[in-house]
């Protein structure tokens, strides 16, 4: 696992294992989710950047645009792990890179189309068995 150093801030709360991003809730605000970081990840290849929810979102966005196929991001974890916050960061990324002037409108469209499936505790054990 390699540490993320987005925006010059070293944090061990994110790492990648193949196509899986492991994010640990640091229970404190980190300055790695702002517009400047979104812009840094936009258009980049996944392997060229540090592990981040924005890298996962960028890959899904590129594949959706290139292949014209629906994409899903599965956010899994225990209660309090940061699933909802991670999903919101991904939606913010999509809203920002879509180039719209109304981020809230795009976020509502993203929510309505449901490309992000939040796996609750009951389903996450099945996902863990699948990943093992």
C-alpha atoms as a PDB file:
ATOM      1  CA  UNK A   1       0.000   0.000   0.000  1.00  0.00           C
ATOM      2  CA  UNK A   2       1.274   3.457  -0.786  1.00  0.00           C
ATOM      3  CA  UNK A   3       0.244   6.577   1.072  1.00  0.00           C
ATOM      4  CA  UNK A   4      -1.638   9.341  -0.655  1.00  0.00           C
ATOM      5  CA  UNK A   5      -0.068  12.763  -0.789  1.00  0.00           C
ATOM      6  CA  UNK A   6      -2.753  14.745  -2.592  1.00  0.00           C
ATOM      7  CA  UNK A   7      -2.357  18.501  -2.199  1.00  0.00           C
ATOM      8  CA  UNK A   8       1.000  17.964  -0.504  1.00  0.00           C
ATOM      9  CA  UNK A   9      -0.688  16.525   2.586  1.00  0.00           C
ATOM     10  CA  UNK A  10       0.462  13.069   3.573  1.00  0.00           C
ATOM     11  CA  UNK A  11      -2.392  10.874   4.639  1.00  0.00           C
ATOM     12  CA  UNK A  12      -2.618   7.146   5.127  1.00  0.00           C
ATOM     13  CA  UNK A  13      -6.413   7.107   4.903  1.00  0.00           C
ATOM     14  CA  UNK A  14      -6.470   6.046   1.225  1.00  0.00           C
ATOM     15  CA  UNK A  15      -4.800   3.217  -0.659  1.00  0.00           C
ATOM     16  CA  UNK A  16      -5.553   1.193  -3.785  1.00  0.00           C
ATOM     17  CA  UNK A  17      -5.495  -2.565  -4.300  1.00  0.00           C
ATOM     18  CA  UNK A  18      -6.065  -3.173  -7.999  1.00  0.00           C
ATOM     19  CA  UNK A  19      -9.445  -1.689  -8.861  1.00  0.00           C
ATOM     20  CA  UNK A  20     -10.428  -1.493  -5.186  1.00  0.00           C
ATOM     21  CA  UNK A  21      -9.967   1.727  -3.226  1.00  0.00           C
ATOM     22  CA  UNK A  22      -9.635   1.328   0.517  1.00  0.00           C
ATOM     23  CA  UNK A  23     -10.592   4.507   2.365  1.00  0.00           C
ATOM     24  CA  UNK A  24     -10.383   4.743   6.136  1.00  0.00           C
ATOM     25  CA  UNK A  25     -12.446   7.382   7.914  1.00  0.00           C
ATOM     26  CA  UNK A  26      -9.875   9.614   9.653  1.00  0.00           C
ATOM     27  CA  UNK A  27     -12.637  11.241  11.766  1.00  0.00           C
ATOM     28  CA  UNK A  28     -11.159  14.654  11.017  1.00  0.00           C
ATOM     29  CA  UNK A  29     -11.406  17.032   8.072  1.00  0.00           C
ATOM     30  CA  UNK A  30      -8.763  16.550   5.376  1.00  0.00           C
ATOM     31  CA  UNK A  31      -7.972  19.114   2.723  1.00  0.00           C
ATOM     32  CA  UNK A  32      -7.953  16.545  -0.093  1.00  0.00           C
ATOM     33  CA  UNK A  33     -11.476  16.955  -1.501  1.00  0.00           C
ATOM     34  CA  UNK A  34     -11.571  20.533  -2.828  1.00  0.00           C
ATOM     35  CA  UNK A  35     -11.995  21.839  -6.363  1.00  0.00           C
ATOM     36  CA  UNK A  36      -8.231  22.011  -6.864  1.00  0.00           C
ATOM     37  CA  UNK A  37      -7.941  18.274  -6.177  1.00  0.00           C
ATOM     38  CA  UNK A  38     -10.905  17.530  -8.471  1.00  0.00           C
ATOM     39  CA  UNK A  39      -9.141  19.461 -11.234  1.00  0.00           C
ATOM     40  CA  UNK A  40      -5.902  17.559 -10.566  1.00  0.00           C
ATOM     41  CA  UNK A  41      -7.641  14.186 -11.067  1.00  0.00           C
ATOM     42  CA  UNK A  42      -9.817  15.230 -14.014  1.00  0.00           C
ATOM     43  CA  UNK A  43      -8.616  13.610 -17.240  1.00  0.00           C
ATOM     44  CA  UNK A  44      -5.831  11.626 -15.560  1.00  0.00           C
ATOM     45  CA  UNK A  45      -5.178   7.893 -15.781  1.00  0.00           C
ATOM     46  CA  UNK A  46      -5.937   5.963 -12.595  1.00  0.00           C
ATOM     47  CA  UNK A  47      -2.402   4.581 -12.205  1.00  0.00           C
ATOM     48  CA  UNK A  48      -0.789   7.995 -12.670  1.00  0.00           C
ATOM     49  CA  UNK A  49      -2.374   9.528  -9.582  1.00  0.00           C
ATOM     50  CA  UNK A  50      -2.414   8.725  -5.869  1.00  0.00           C
ATOM     51  CA  UNK A  51      -5.302   6.547  -4.637  1.00  0.00           C
ATOM     52  CA  UNK A  52      -8.410   8.691  -4.152  1.00  0.00           C
ATOM     53  CA  UNK A  53     -12.191   8.554  -4.539  1.00  0.00           C
ATOM     54  CA  UNK A  54     -11.731  11.085  -7.346  1.00  0.00           C
ATOM     55  CA  UNK A  55      -9.472   8.613  -9.217  1.00  0.00           C
ATOM     56  CA  UNK A  56     -12.224   5.979  -9.014  1.00  0.00           C
ATOM     57  CA  UNK A  57     -14.837   8.520 -10.132  1.00  0.00           C
ATOM     58  CA  UNK A  58     -12.633   9.700 -13.026  1.00  0.00           C
ATOM     59  CA  UNK A  59     -12.169   6.138 -14.274  1.00  0.00           C
ATOM     60  CA  UNK A  60     -15.932   5.498 -14.167  1.00  0.00           C
ATOM     61  CA  UNK A  61     -16.598   8.841 -15.880  1.00  0.00           C
ATOM     62  CA  UNK A  62     -14.066   8.136 -18.650  1.00  0.00           C
ATOM     63  CA  UNK A  63     -15.420   4.634 -19.273  1.00  0.00           C
ATOM     64  CA  UNK A  64     -18.979   5.954 -19.341  1.00  0.00           C
ATOM     65  CA  UNK A  65     -18.076   8.653 -21.867  1.00  0.00           C
ATOM     66  CA  UNK A  66     -15.787   6.457 -23.990  1.00  0.00           C
ATOM     67  CA  UNK A  67     -17.775   3.211 -24.002  1.00  0.00           C
ATOM     68  CA  UNK A  68     -21.228   4.791 -23.614  1.00  0.00           C
ATOM     69  CA  UNK A  69     -22.054   2.195 -20.969  1.00  0.00           C
ATOM     70  CA  UNK A  70     -23.496   2.617 -17.501  1.00  0.00           C
ATOM     71  CA  UNK A  71     -20.992   2.494 -14.655  1.00  0.00           C
ATOM     72  CA  UNK A  72     -21.346   1.649 -10.974  1.00  0.00           C
ATOM     73  CA  UNK A  73     -19.247   2.472  -7.959  1.00  0.00           C
ATOM     74  CA  UNK A  74     -19.854   0.259  -4.951  1.00  0.00           C
ATOM     75  CA  UNK A  75     -19.203   1.952  -1.610  1.00  0.00           C
ATOM     76  CA  UNK A  76     -19.108  -0.581   1.199  1.00  0.00           C
ATOM     77  CA  UNK A  77     -18.290  -0.490   4.879  1.00  0.00           C
ATOM     78  CA  UNK A  78     -19.475  -0.657   8.428  1.00  0.00           C
ATOM     79  CA  UNK A  79     -21.584   1.996  10.097  1.00  0.00           C
ATOM     80  CA  UNK A  80     -19.589   5.215  10.497  1.00  0.00           C
ATOM     81  CA  UNK A  81     -16.993   4.177   7.908  1.00  0.00           C
ATOM     82  CA  UNK A  82     -17.757   7.142   5.655  1.00  0.00           C
ATOM     83  CA  UNK A  83     -19.827   5.501   2.904  1.00  0.00           C
ATOM     84  CA  UNK A  84     -22.250   8.386   2.518  1.00  0.00           C
ATOM     85  CA  UNK A  85     -19.488  10.991   2.546  1.00  0.00           C
ATOM     86  CA  UNK A  86     -17.465   9.038  -0.040  1.00  0.00           C
ATOM     87  CA  UNK A  87     -20.532   8.754  -2.295  1.00  0.00           C
ATOM     88  CA  UNK A  88     -21.130  12.504  -1.976  1.00  0.00           C
ATOM     89  CA  UNK A  89     -17.507  13.215  -2.946  1.00  0.00           C
ATOM     90  CA  UNK A  90     -17.917  11.041  -6.045  1.00  0.00           C
ATOM     91  CA  UNK A  91     -21.137  12.859  -6.976  1.00  0.00           C
ATOM     92  CA  UNK A  92     -19.436  16.217  -6.466  1.00  0.00           C
ATOM     93  CA  UNK A  93     -16.663  15.037  -8.785  1.00  0.00           C
ATOM     94  CA  UNK A  94     -19.183  14.076 -11.495  1.00  0.00           C
ATOM     95  CA  UNK A  95     -20.997  17.390 -11.113  1.00  0.00           C
ATOM     96  CA  UNK A  96     -17.761  19.361 -11.378  1.00  0.00           C
ATOM     97  CA  UNK A  97     -16.187  17.548 -14.343  1.00  0.00           C
ATOM     98  CA  UNK A  98     -19.451  17.530 -16.298  1.00  0.00           C
ATOM     99  CA  UNK A  99     -18.850  21.214 -16.973  1.00  0.00           C
ATOM    100  CA  UNK A 100     -22.267  22.372 -15.886  1.00  0.00           C
ATOM    101  CA  UNK A 101     -22.915  25.675 -14.176  1.00  0.00           C
ATOM    102  CA  UNK A 102     -25.391  24.042 -11.828  1.00  0.00           C
ATOM    103  CA  UNK A 103     -23.579  21.414  -9.752  1.00  0.00           C
ATOM    104  CA  UNK A 104     -26.704  20.839  -7.654  1.00  0.00           C
ATOM    105  CA  UNK A 105     -28.737  20.021 -10.783  1.00  0.00           C
ATOM    106  CA  UNK A 106     -26.187  17.440 -11.961  1.00  0.00           C
ATOM    107  CA  UNK A 107     -25.949  15.970  -8.454  1.00  0.00           C
ATOM    108  CA  UNK A 108     -29.737  15.496  -8.455  1.00  0.00           C
ATOM    109  CA  UNK A 109     -29.560  13.809 -11.870  1.00  0.00           C
ATOM    110  CA  UNK A 110     -26.774  11.529 -10.664  1.00  0.00           C
ATOM    111  CA  UNK A 111     -28.807  10.604  -7.601  1.00  0.00           C
ATOM    112  CA  UNK A 112     -31.888   9.977  -9.748  1.00  0.00           C
ATOM    113  CA  UNK A 113     -30.021   7.658 -12.118  1.00  0.00           C
ATOM    114  CA  UNK A 114     -28.520   5.795  -9.150  1.00  0.00           C
ATOM    115  CA  UNK A 115     -25.033   4.943 -10.530  1.00  0.00           C
ATOM    116  CA  UNK A 116     -23.664   4.721  -7.015  1.00  0.00           C
ATOM    117  CA  UNK A 117     -24.898   1.773  -4.991  1.00  0.00           C
ATOM    118  CA  UNK A 118     -24.272   2.008  -1.289  1.00  0.00           C
ATOM    119  CA  UNK A 119     -23.879  -1.468   0.174  1.00  0.00           C
ATOM    120  CA  UNK A 120     -25.131  -1.498   3.746  1.00  0.00           C
ATOM    121  CA  UNK A 121     -23.654  -3.642   6.496  1.00  0.00           C
ATOM    122  CA  UNK A 122     -25.991  -6.547   5.684  1.00  0.00           C
ATOM    123  CA  UNK A 123     -24.645  -6.827   2.137  1.00  0.00           C
ATOM    124  CA  UNK A 124     -21.032  -5.947   2.772  1.00  0.00           C
ATOM    125  CA  UNK A 125     -20.135  -9.390   4.169  1.00  0.00           C
ATOM    126  CA  UNK A 126     -21.107 -10.901   0.801  1.00  0.00           C
ATOM    127  CA  UNK A 127     -18.948  -8.316  -0.962  1.00  0.00           C
ATOM    128  CA  UNK A 128     -16.005  -9.100   1.336  1.00  0.00           C
ATOM    129  CA  UNK A 129     -16.363 -12.828   0.582  1.00  0.00           C
ATOM    130  CA  UNK A 130     -16.405 -12.009  -3.139  1.00  0.00           C
ATOM    131  CA  UNK A 131     -13.248  -9.901  -2.847  1.00  0.00           C
ATOM    132  CA  UNK A 132     -11.452 -12.574  -0.780  1.00  0.00           C
END
